Amino acid sequence: MPDIEASLWQRFRNQGVLVYGLHPSDDPSLVADFIEQTGVTFPVLDGGDTVNRFAYPPGVAFPYPRDVVVDKQGRVRLIRNSFDPNEMTTLIEQLLAE
């Protein structure tokens, strides 16, 4: 998540891009400690069932971590289980231009 903080959130947040971290209802104190230790400033929410909906999409074998990009119309445009900052940046720039 610190890499998402630096390469996406800090870069695009003033352009209307929202970044959310979701955690699967783990111990809230552990999540709070992680956020404090890493310096993440975007919202990290209790994902509950939402996390489970993205955990095992067709064709993606590993459940975590999962990166999902949703466009302005609420359509899922990308699901990956490895973070590629170049791919994400390119897609976000394309979506902002739409």
PDB file of N, CA and C in Angstrom:
ATOM      1  N   MET A   1       0.791  -1.202   0.000  1.00  0.00           N
ATOM      2  CA  MET A   1       0.000   0.000   0.000  1.00  0.00           C
ATOM      3  C   MET A   1       0.838   1.274   0.000  1.00  0.00           C
ATOM      4  N   PRO A   2       2.018   1.264   0.586  1.00  0.00           N
ATOM      5  CA  PRO A   2       2.829   2.482   0.499  1.00  0.00           C
ATOM      6  C   PRO A   2       3.190   2.843  -0.942  1.00  0.00           C
ATOM      7  N   ASP A   3       3.375   1.828  -1.806  1.00  0.00           N
ATOM      8  CA  ASP A   3       3.686   2.125  -3.199  1.00  0.00           C
ATOM      9  C   ASP A   3       2.485   2.749  -3.909  1.00  0.00           C
ATOM     10  N   ILE A   4       1.278   2.336  -3.551  1.00  0.00           N
ATOM     11  CA  ILE A   4       0.070   2.940  -4.118  1.00  0.00           C
ATOM     12  C   ILE A   4      -0.077   4.371  -3.609  1.00  0.00           C
ATOM     13  N   GLU A   5       0.251   4.581  -2.358  1.00  0.00           N
ATOM     14  CA  GLU A   5       0.225   5.930  -1.768  1.00  0.00           C
ATOM     15  C   GLU A   5       1.083   6.878  -2.596  1.00  0.00           C
ATOM     16  N   ALA A   6       2.318   6.471  -2.862  1.00  0.00           N
ATOM     17  CA  ALA A   6       3.270   7.355  -3.538  1.00  0.00           C
ATOM     18  C   ALA A   6       2.980   7.507  -5.028  1.00  0.00           C
ATOM     19  N   SER A   7       2.717   6.407  -5.707  1.00  0.00           N
ATOM     20  CA  SER A   7       2.623   6.485  -7.162  1.00  0.00           C
ATOM     21  C   SER A   7       1.239   6.835  -7.686  1.00  0.00           C
ATOM     22  N   LEU A   8       0.181   6.574  -6.918  1.00  0.00           N
ATOM     23  CA  LEU A   8      -1.165   6.868  -7.407  1.00  0.00           C
ATOM     24  C   LEU A   8      -1.881   7.927  -6.579  1.00  0.00           C
ATOM     25  N   TRP A   9      -2.030   7.683  -5.290  1.00  0.00           N
ATOM     26  CA  TRP A   9      -2.816   8.593  -4.461  1.00  0.00           C
ATOM     27  C   TRP A   9      -2.237   9.999  -4.460  1.00  0.00           C
ATOM     28  N   GLN A  10      -0.957  10.128  -4.155  1.00  0.00           N
ATOM     29  CA  GLN A  10      -0.359  11.459  -4.095  1.00  0.00           C
ATOM     30  C   GLN A  10      -0.343  12.134  -5.470  1.00  0.00           C
ATOM     31  N   ARG A  11      -0.220  11.351  -6.513  1.00  0.00           N
ATOM     32  CA  ARG A  11      -0.139  11.912  -7.864  1.00  0.00           C
ATOM     33  C   ARG A  11      -1.500  12.345  -8.405  1.00  0.00           C
ATOM     34  N   PHE A  12      -2.554  11.555  -8.147  1.00  0.00           N
ATOM     35  CA  PHE A  12      -3.835  11.782  -8.812  1.00  0.00           C
ATOM     36  C   PHE A  12      -4.972  12.276  -7.912  1.00  0.00           C
ATOM     37  N   ARG A  13      -4.764  12.363  -6.625  1.00  0.00           N
ATOM     38  CA  ARG A  13      -5.882  12.686  -5.729  1.00  0.00           C
ATOM     39  C   ARG A  13      -6.497  14.049  -6.003  1.00  0.00           C
ATOM     40  N   ASN A  14      -5.724  15.005  -6.464  1.00  0.00           N
ATOM     41  CA  ASN A  14      -6.269  16.329  -6.765  1.00  0.00           C
ATOM     42  C   ASN A  14      -6.950  16.398  -8.133  1.00  0.00           C
ATOM     43  N   GLN A  15      -6.985  15.247  -8.832  1.00  0.00           N
ATOM     44  CA  GLN A  15      -7.646  15.174 -10.132  1.00  0.00           C
ATOM     45  C   GLN A  15      -8.947  14.373 -10.048  1.00  0.00           C
ATOM     46  N   GLY A  16      -9.393  14.108  -8.835  1.00  0.00           N
ATOM     47  CA  GLY A  16     -10.660  13.408  -8.658  1.00  0.00           C
ATOM     48  C   GLY A  16     -10.546  11.902  -8.541  1.00  0.00           C
ATOM     49  N   VAL A  17      -9.337  11.377  -8.537  1.00  0.00           N
ATOM     50  CA  VAL A  17      -9.153   9.935  -8.402  1.00  0.00           C
ATOM     51  C   VAL A  17      -9.264   9.572  -6.919  1.00  0.00           C
ATOM     52  N   LEU A  18     -10.052   8.562  -6.641  1.00  0.00           N
ATOM     53  CA  LEU A  18     -10.210   8.076  -5.273  1.00  0.00           C
ATOM     54  C   LEU A  18      -9.465   6.767  -5.120  1.00  0.00           C
ATOM     55  N   VAL A  19      -8.789   6.618  -4.013  1.00  0.00           N
ATOM     56  CA  VAL A  19      -8.088   5.381  -3.688  1.00  0.00           C
ATOM     57  C   VAL A  19      -8.607   4.913  -2.341  1.00  0.00           C
ATOM     58  N   TYR A  20      -8.998   3.656  -2.282  1.00  0.00           N
ATOM     59  CA  TYR A  20      -9.440   3.061  -1.027  1.00  0.00           C
ATOM     60  C   TYR A  20      -8.688   1.771  -0.802  1.00  0.00           C
ATOM     61  N   GLY A  21      -8.291   1.547   0.401  1.00  0.00           N
ATOM     62  CA  GLY A  21      -7.778   0.253   0.804  1.00  0.00           C
ATOM     63  C   GLY A  21      -8.912  -0.476   1.504  1.00  0.00           C
ATOM     64  N   LEU A  22      -9.040  -1.750   1.253  1.00  0.00           N
ATOM     65  CA  LEU A  22     -10.046  -2.563   1.921  1.00  0.00           C
ATOM     66  C   LEU A  22      -9.350  -3.671   2.681  1.00  0.00           C
ATOM     67  N   HIS A  23      -9.749  -3.891   3.899  1.00  0.00           N
ATOM     68  CA  HIS A  23      -9.210  -5.019   4.646  1.00  0.00           C
ATOM     69  C   HIS A  23     -10.366  -5.944   5.014  1.00  0.00           C
ATOM     70  N   PRO A  24     -10.095  -7.227   5.091  1.00  0.00           N
ATOM     71  CA  PRO A  24     -11.166  -8.217   5.287  1.00  0.00           C
ATOM     72  C   PRO A  24     -11.539  -8.448   6.747  1.00  0.00           C
ATOM     73  N   SER A  25     -11.953  -7.413   7.434  1.00  0.00           N
ATOM     74  CA  SER A  25     -12.439  -7.518   8.810  1.00  0.00           C
ATOM     75  C   SER A  25     -11.434  -8.131   9.775  1.00  0.00           C
ATOM     76  N   ASP A  26     -10.154  -7.887   9.544  1.00  0.00           N
ATOM     77  CA  ASP A  26      -9.137  -8.341  10.494  1.00  0.00           C
ATOM     78  C   ASP A  26      -9.239  -7.504  11.762  1.00  0.00           C
ATOM     79  N   ASP A  27      -8.427  -7.801  12.708  1.00  0.00           N
ATOM     80  CA  ASP A  27      -8.367  -7.039  13.949  1.00  0.00           C
ATOM     81  C   ASP A  27      -8.113  -5.562  13.608  1.00  0.00           C
ATOM     82  N   PRO A  28      -9.055  -4.672  13.928  1.00  0.00           N
ATOM     83  CA  PRO A  28      -8.900  -3.255  13.577  1.00  0.00           C
ATOM     84  C   PRO A  28      -7.625  -2.620  14.133  1.00  0.00           C
ATOM     85  N   SER A  29      -7.152  -3.073  15.282  1.00  0.00           N
ATOM     86  CA  SER A  29      -5.931  -2.476  15.838  1.00  0.00           C
ATOM     87  C   SER A  29      -4.717  -2.828  14.986  1.00  0.00           C
ATOM     88  N   LEU A  30      -4.698  -4.026  14.399  1.00  0.00           N
ATOM     89  CA  LEU A  30      -3.592  -4.397  13.512  1.00  0.00           C
ATOM     90  C   LEU A  30      -3.600  -3.538  12.254  1.00  0.00           C
ATOM     91  N   VAL A  31      -4.776  -3.293  11.728  1.00  0.00           N
ATOM     92  CA  VAL A  31      -4.892  -2.456  10.535  1.00  0.00           C
ATOM     93  C   VAL A  31      -4.451  -1.031  10.863  1.00  0.00           C
ATOM     94  N   ALA A  32      -4.895  -0.500  11.993  1.00  0.00           N
ATOM     95  CA  ALA A  32      -4.499   0.852  12.409  1.00  0.00           C
ATOM     96  C   ALA A  32      -2.988   0.946  12.593  1.00  0.00           C
ATOM     97  N   ASP A  33      -2.384  -0.075  13.180  1.00  0.00           N
ATOM     98  CA  ASP A  33      -0.925  -0.090  13.353  1.00  0.00           C
ATOM     99  C   ASP A  33      -0.221  -0.095  12.001  1.00  0.00           C
ATOM    100  N   PHE A  34      -0.723  -0.899  11.067  1.00  0.00           N
ATOM    101  CA  PHE A  34      -0.132  -0.968   9.726  1.00  0.00           C
ATOM    102  C   PHE A  34      -0.205   0.392   9.039  1.00  0.00           C
ATOM    103  N   ILE A  35      -1.353   1.044   9.124  1.00  0.00           N
ATOM    104  CA  ILE A  35      -1.526   2.351   8.498  1.00  0.00           C
ATOM    105  C   ILE A  35      -0.557   3.362   9.111  1.00  0.00           C
ATOM    106  N   GLU A  36      -0.438   3.348  10.416  1.00  0.00           N
ATOM    107  CA  GLU A  36       0.473   4.277  11.088  1.00  0.00           C
ATOM    108  C   GLU A  36       1.925   4.013  10.697  1.00  0.00           C
ATOM    109  N   GLN A  37       2.314   2.744  10.644  1.00  0.00           N
ATOM    110  CA  GLN A  37       3.699   2.386  10.326  1.00  0.00           C
ATOM    111  C   GLN A  37       4.071   2.714   8.885  1.00  0.00           C
ATOM    112  N   THR A  38       3.121   2.586   7.969  1.00  0.00           N
ATOM    113  CA  THR A  38       3.424   2.791   6.555  1.00  0.00           C
ATOM    114  C   THR A  38       3.183   4.214   6.084  1.00  0.00           C
ATOM    115  N   GLY A  39       2.432   5.000   6.848  1.00  0.00           N
ATOM    116  CA  GLY A  39       2.166   6.376   6.454  1.00  0.00           C
ATOM    117  C   GLY A  39       1.109   6.520   5.373  1.00  0.00           C
ATOM    118  N   VAL A  40       0.299   5.502   5.166  1.00  0.00           N
ATOM    119  CA  VAL A  40      -0.769   5.559   4.174  1.00  0.00           C
ATOM    120  C   VAL A  40      -1.780   6.612   4.604  1.00  0.00           C
ATOM    121  N   THR A  41      -2.165   7.502   3.672  1.00  0.00           N
ATOM    122  CA  THR A  41      -3.124   8.555   4.010  1.00  0.00           C
ATOM    123  C   THR A  41      -4.476   8.391   3.317  1.00  0.00           C
ATOM    124  N   PHE A  42      -4.576   7.486   2.340  1.00  0.00           N
ATOM    125  CA  PHE A  42      -5.889   7.266   1.723  1.00  0.00           C
ATOM    126  C   PHE A  42      -6.733   6.402   2.659  1.00  0.00           C
ATOM    127  N   PRO A  43      -8.061   6.466   2.513  1.00  0.00           N
ATOM    128  CA  PRO A  43      -8.928   5.727   3.423  1.00  0.00           C
ATOM    129  C   PRO A  43      -8.732   4.212   3.315  1.00  0.00           C
ATOM    130  N   VAL A  44      -8.684   3.553   4.451  1.00  0.00           N
ATOM    131  CA  VAL A  44      -8.636   2.095   4.510  1.00  0.00           C
ATOM    132  C   VAL A  44      -9.887   1.667   5.266  1.00  0.00           C
ATOM    133  N   LEU A  45     -10.735   0.924   4.580  1.00  0.00           N
ATOM    134  CA  LEU A  45     -12.053   0.580   5.089  1.00  0.00           C
ATOM    135  C   LEU A  45     -12.160  -0.901   5.398  1.00  0.00           C
ATOM    136  N   ASP A  46     -13.072  -1.231   6.282  1.00  0.00           N
ATOM    137  CA  ASP A  46     -13.409  -2.633   6.534  1.00  0.00           C
ATOM    138  C   ASP A  46     -14.171  -3.115   5.315  1.00  0.00           C
ATOM    139  N   GLY A  47     -13.554  -3.967   4.529  1.00  0.00           N
ATOM    140  CA  GLY A  47     -14.145  -4.404   3.276  1.00  0.00           C
ATOM    141  C   GLY A  47     -15.239  -5.426   3.406  1.00  0.00           C
ATOM    142  N   GLY A  48     -15.217  -6.234   4.454  1.00  0.00           N
ATOM    143  CA  GLY A  48     -16.246  -7.247   4.657  1.00  0.00           C
ATOM    144  C   GLY A  48     -16.569  -8.031   3.399  1.00  0.00           C
ATOM    145  N   ASP A  49     -17.826  -8.058   3.014  1.00  0.00           N
ATOM    146  CA  ASP A  49     -18.267  -8.816   1.842  1.00  0.00           C
ATOM    147  C   ASP A  49     -17.720  -8.253   0.539  1.00  0.00           C
ATOM    148  N   THR A  50     -17.428  -6.947   0.497  1.00  0.00           N
ATOM    149  CA  THR A  50     -16.871  -6.364  -0.718  1.00  0.00           C
ATOM    150  C   THR A  50     -15.536  -7.006  -1.050  1.00  0.00           C
ATOM    151  N   VAL A  51     -14.711  -7.224  -0.050  1.00  0.00           N
ATOM    152  CA  VAL A  51     -13.424  -7.886  -0.274  1.00  0.00           C
ATOM    153  C   VAL A  51     -13.655  -9.275  -0.863  1.00  0.00           C
ATOM    154  N   ASN A  52     -14.598  -9.998  -0.321  1.00  0.00           N
ATOM    155  CA  ASN A  52     -14.868 -11.344  -0.814  1.00  0.00           C
ATOM    156  C   ASN A  52     -15.341 -11.346  -2.257  1.00  0.00           C
ATOM    157  N   ARG A  53     -16.065 -10.327  -2.689  1.00  0.00           N
ATOM    158  CA  ARG A  53     -16.538 -10.264  -4.072  1.00  0.00           C
ATOM    159  C   ARG A  53     -15.381 -10.131  -5.052  1.00  0.00           C
ATOM    160  N   PHE A  54     -14.300  -9.482  -4.641  1.00  0.00           N
ATOM    161  CA  PHE A  54     -13.143  -9.310  -5.508  1.00  0.00           C
ATOM    162  C   PHE A  54     -12.053 -10.358  -5.251  1.00  0.00           C
ATOM    163  N   ALA A  55     -12.231 -11.198  -4.252  1.00  0.00           N
ATOM    164  CA  ALA A  55     -11.171 -12.119  -3.860  1.00  0.00           C
ATOM    165  C   ALA A  55     -10.877 -13.176  -4.915  1.00  0.00           C
ATOM    166  N   TYR A  56     -11.892 -13.715  -5.540  1.00  0.00           N
ATOM    167  CA  TYR A  56     -11.680 -14.803  -6.493  1.00  0.00           C
ATOM    168  C   TYR A  56     -12.427 -14.564  -7.798  1.00  0.00           C
ATOM    169  N   PRO A  57     -12.118 -13.487  -8.528  1.00  0.00           N
ATOM    170  CA  PRO A  57     -12.784 -13.298  -9.817  1.00  0.00           C
ATOM    171  C   PRO A  57     -12.316 -14.360 -10.808  1.00  0.00           C
ATOM    172  N   PRO A  58     -13.117 -14.669 -11.811  1.00  0.00           N
ATOM    173  CA  PRO A  58     -12.721 -15.691 -12.795  1.00  0.00           C
ATOM    174  C   PRO A  58     -11.367 -15.374 -13.423  1.00  0.00           C
ATOM    175  N   GLY A  59     -10.527 -16.382 -13.513  1.00  0.00           N
ATOM    176  CA  GLY A  59      -9.242 -16.246 -14.180  1.00  0.00           C
ATOM    177  C   GLY A  59      -8.121 -15.669 -13.332  1.00  0.00           C
ATOM    178  N   VAL A  60      -8.386 -15.345 -12.077  1.00  0.00           N
ATOM    179  CA  VAL A  60      -7.349 -14.801 -11.202  1.00  0.00           C
ATOM    180  C   VAL A  60      -7.200 -15.757 -10.030  1.00  0.00           C
ATOM    181  N   ALA A  61      -6.014 -16.346  -9.883  1.00  0.00           N
ATOM    182  CA  ALA A  61      -5.841 -17.450  -8.951  1.00  0.00           C
ATOM    183  C   ALA A  61      -5.641 -17.028  -7.498  1.00  0.00           C
ATOM    184  N   PHE A  62      -4.878 -16.003  -7.248  1.00  0.00           N
ATOM    185  CA  PHE A  62      -4.515 -15.681  -5.870  1.00  0.00           C
ATOM    186  C   PHE A  62      -5.414 -14.582  -5.316  1.00  0.00           C
ATOM    187  N   PRO A  63      -5.851 -14.705  -4.069  1.00  0.00           N
ATOM    188  CA  PRO A  63      -6.815 -13.733  -3.549  1.00  0.00           C
ATOM    189  C   PRO A  63      -6.240 -12.382  -3.137  1.00  0.00           C
ATOM    190  N   TYR A  64      -5.014 -12.323  -2.648  1.00  0.00           N
ATOM    191  CA  TYR A  64      -4.511 -11.055  -2.122  1.00  0.00           C
ATOM    192  C   TYR A  64      -3.074 -10.857  -2.529  1.00  0.00           C
ATOM    193  N   PRO A  65      -2.595  -9.650  -2.686  1.00  0.00           N
ATOM    194  CA  PRO A  65      -3.406  -8.434  -2.723  1.00  0.00           C
ATOM    195  C   PRO A  65      -4.149  -8.335  -4.042  1.00  0.00           C
ATOM    196  N   ARG A  66      -5.139  -7.518  -4.080  1.00  0.00           N
ATOM    197  CA  ARG A  66      -5.940  -7.328  -5.284  1.00  0.00           C
ATOM    198  C   ARG A  66      -6.036  -5.841  -5.562  1.00  0.00           C
ATOM    199  N   ASP A  67      -5.743  -5.451  -6.786  1.00  0.00           N
ATOM    200  CA  ASP A  67      -5.879  -4.064  -7.220  1.00  0.00           C
ATOM    201  C   ASP A  67      -7.030  -4.005  -8.209  1.00  0.00           C
ATOM    202  N   VAL A  68      -7.966  -3.115  -7.977  1.00  0.00           N
ATOM    203  CA  VAL A  68      -9.154  -2.983  -8.812  1.00  0.00           C
ATOM    204  C   VAL A  68      -9.287  -1.519  -9.205  1.00  0.00           C
ATOM    205  N   VAL A  69      -9.515  -1.275 -10.499  1.00  0.00           N
ATOM    206  CA  VAL A  69      -9.782   0.075 -10.979  1.00  0.00           C
ATOM    207  C   VAL A  69     -11.221   0.099 -11.474  1.00  0.00           C
ATOM    208  N   VAL A  70     -11.988   1.058 -10.947  1.00  0.00           N
ATOM    209  CA  VAL A  70     -13.382   1.239 -11.325  1.00  0.00           C
ATOM    210  C   VAL A  70     -13.503   2.612 -11.965  1.00  0.00           C
ATOM    211  N   ASP A  71     -14.177   2.685 -13.120  1.00  0.00           N
ATOM    212  CA  ASP A  71     -14.295   3.980 -13.800  1.00  0.00           C
ATOM    213  C   ASP A  71     -15.428   4.826 -13.229  1.00  0.00           C
ATOM    214  N   LYS A  72     -15.635   6.002 -13.807  1.00  0.00           N
ATOM    215  CA  LYS A  72     -16.632   6.949 -13.310  1.00  0.00           C
ATOM    216  C   LYS A  72     -18.061   6.394 -13.365  1.00  0.00           C
ATOM    217  N   GLN A  73     -18.290   5.452 -14.266  1.00  0.00           N
ATOM    218  CA  GLN A  73     -19.610   4.850 -14.397  1.00  0.00           C
ATOM    219  C   GLN A  73     -19.798   3.635 -13.489  1.00  0.00           C
ATOM    220  N   GLY A  74     -18.772   3.320 -12.709  1.00  0.00           N
ATOM    221  CA  GLY A  74     -18.858   2.193 -11.790  1.00  0.00           C
ATOM    222  C   GLY A  74     -18.510   0.852 -12.414  1.00  0.00           C
ATOM    223  N   ARG A  75     -17.929   0.864 -13.607  1.00  0.00           N
ATOM    224  CA  ARG A  75     -17.527  -0.376 -14.281  1.00  0.00           C
ATOM    225  C   ARG A  75     -16.107  -0.757 -13.869  1.00  0.00           C
ATOM    226  N   VAL A  76     -15.918  -2.017 -13.580  1.00  0.00           N
ATOM    227  CA  VAL A  76     -14.580  -2.518 -13.258  1.00  0.00           C
ATOM    228  C   VAL A  76     -13.781  -2.550 -14.552  1.00  0.00           C
ATOM    229  N   ARG A  77     -12.669  -1.846 -14.568  1.00  0.00           N
ATOM    230  CA  ARG A  77     -11.837  -1.757 -15.768  1.00  0.00           C
ATOM    231  C   ARG A  77     -10.550  -2.565 -15.659  1.00  0.00           C
ATOM    232  N   LEU A  78     -10.169  -2.935 -14.430  1.00  0.00           N
ATOM    233  CA  LEU A  78      -8.928  -3.685 -14.244  1.00  0.00           C
ATOM    234  C   LEU A  78      -8.979  -4.396 -12.908  1.00  0.00           C
ATOM    235  N   ILE A  79      -8.563  -5.655 -12.921  1.00  0.00           N
ATOM    236  CA  ILE A  79      -8.340  -6.400 -11.680  1.00  0.00           C
ATOM    237  C   ILE A  79      -6.994  -7.094 -11.826  1.00  0.00           C
ATOM    238  N   ARG A  80      -6.109  -6.847 -10.889  1.00  0.00           N
ATOM    239  CA  ARG A  80      -4.785  -7.484 -10.894  1.00  0.00           C
ATOM    240  C   ARG A  80      -4.443  -7.907  -9.478  1.00  0.00           C
ATOM    241  N   ASN A  81      -3.610  -8.945  -9.375  1.00  0.00           N
ATOM    242  CA  ASN A  81      -3.133  -9.300  -8.048  1.00  0.00           C
ATOM    243  C   ASN A  81      -1.648  -9.024  -7.897  1.00  0.00           C
ATOM    244  N   SER A  82      -1.122  -8.185  -8.754  1.00  0.00           N
ATOM    245  CA  SER A  82       0.219  -7.641  -8.554  1.00  0.00           C
ATOM    246  C   SER A  82       0.189  -6.198  -9.041  1.00  0.00           C
ATOM    247  N   PHE A  83       0.820  -5.336  -8.296  1.00  0.00           N
ATOM    248  CA  PHE A  83       0.780  -3.912  -8.595  1.00  0.00           C
ATOM    249  C   PHE A  83       1.808  -3.561  -9.648  1.00  0.00           C
ATOM    250  N   ASP A  84       1.344  -2.986 -10.748  1.00  0.00           N
ATOM    251  CA  ASP A  84       2.207  -2.489 -11.811  1.00  0.00           C
ATOM    252  C   ASP A  84       1.939  -0.991 -11.941  1.00  0.00           C
ATOM    253  N   PRO A  85       2.801  -0.156 -11.354  1.00  0.00           N
ATOM    254  CA  PRO A  85       2.520   1.279 -11.358  1.00  0.00           C
ATOM    255  C   PRO A  85       2.399   1.873 -12.747  1.00  0.00           C
ATOM    256  N   ASN A  86       3.167   1.382 -13.699  1.00  0.00           N
ATOM    257  CA  ASN A  86       3.079   1.921 -15.061  1.00  0.00           C
ATOM    258  C   ASN A  86       1.725   1.601 -15.690  1.00  0.00           C
ATOM    259  N   GLU A  87       1.271   0.371 -15.534  1.00  0.00           N
ATOM    260  CA  GLU A  87      -0.025  -0.024 -16.084  1.00  0.00           C
ATOM    261  C   GLU A  87      -1.155   0.790 -15.431  1.00  0.00           C
ATOM    262  N   MET A  88      -1.098   0.921 -14.116  1.00  0.00           N
ATOM    263  CA  MET A  88      -2.137   1.650 -13.402  1.00  0.00           C
ATOM    264  C   MET A  88      -2.138   3.129 -13.795  1.00  0.00           C
ATOM    265  N   THR A  89      -0.961   3.725 -13.882  1.00  0.00           N
ATOM    266  CA  THR A  89      -0.858   5.133 -14.253  1.00  0.00           C
ATOM    267  C   THR A  89      -1.409   5.362 -15.650  1.00  0.00           C
ATOM    268  N   THR A  90      -1.040   4.502 -16.585  1.00  0.00           N
ATOM    269  CA  THR A  90      -1.539   4.628 -17.955  1.00  0.00           C
ATOM    270  C   THR A  90      -3.061   4.532 -18.005  1.00  0.00           C
ATOM    271  N   LEU A  91      -3.615   3.550 -17.310  1.00  0.00           N
ATOM    272  CA  LEU A  91      -5.066   3.381 -17.299  1.00  0.00           C
ATOM    273  C   LEU A  91      -5.756   4.577 -16.648  1.00  0.00           C
ATOM    274  N   ILE A  92      -5.260   5.038 -15.529  1.00  0.00           N
ATOM    275  CA  ILE A  92      -5.863   6.185 -14.848  1.00  0.00           C
ATOM    276  C   ILE A  92      -5.817   7.412 -15.730  1.00  0.00           C
ATOM    277  N   GLU A  93      -4.711   7.640 -16.400  1.00  0.00           N
ATOM    278  CA  GLU A  93      -4.615   8.789 -17.311  1.00  0.00           C
ATOM    279  C   GLU A  93      -5.633   8.667 -18.440  1.00  0.00           C
ATOM    280  N   GLN A  94      -5.812   7.459 -18.984  1.00  0.00           N
ATOM    281  CA  GLN A  94      -6.815   7.239 -20.029  1.00  0.00           C
ATOM    282  C   GLN A  94      -8.222   7.513 -19.507  1.00  0.00           C
ATOM    283  N   LEU A  95      -8.527   7.024 -18.323  1.00  0.00           N
ATOM    284  CA  LEU A  95      -9.853   7.225 -17.743  1.00  0.00           C
ATOM    285  C   LEU A  95     -10.113   8.695 -17.423  1.00  0.00           C
ATOM    286  N   LEU A  96      -9.106   9.408 -16.970  1.00  0.00           N
ATOM    287  CA  LEU A  96      -9.275  10.841 -16.711  1.00  0.00           C
ATOM    288  C   LEU A  96      -9.538  11.613 -17.998  1.00  0.00           C
ATOM    289  N   ALA A  97      -9.004  11.139 -19.111  1.00  0.00           N
ATOM    290  CA  ALA A  97      -9.187  11.818 -20.397  1.00  0.00           C
ATOM    291  C   ALA A  97     -10.562  11.539 -21.018  1.00  0.00           C
ATOM    292  N   GLU A  98     -11.267  10.531 -20.514  1.00  0.00           N
ATOM    293  CA  GLU A  98     -12.585  10.182 -21.097  1.00  0.00           C
ATOM    294  C   GLU A  98     -13.620  11.226 -20.752  1.00  0.00           C
TER     295      GLU A  98
END
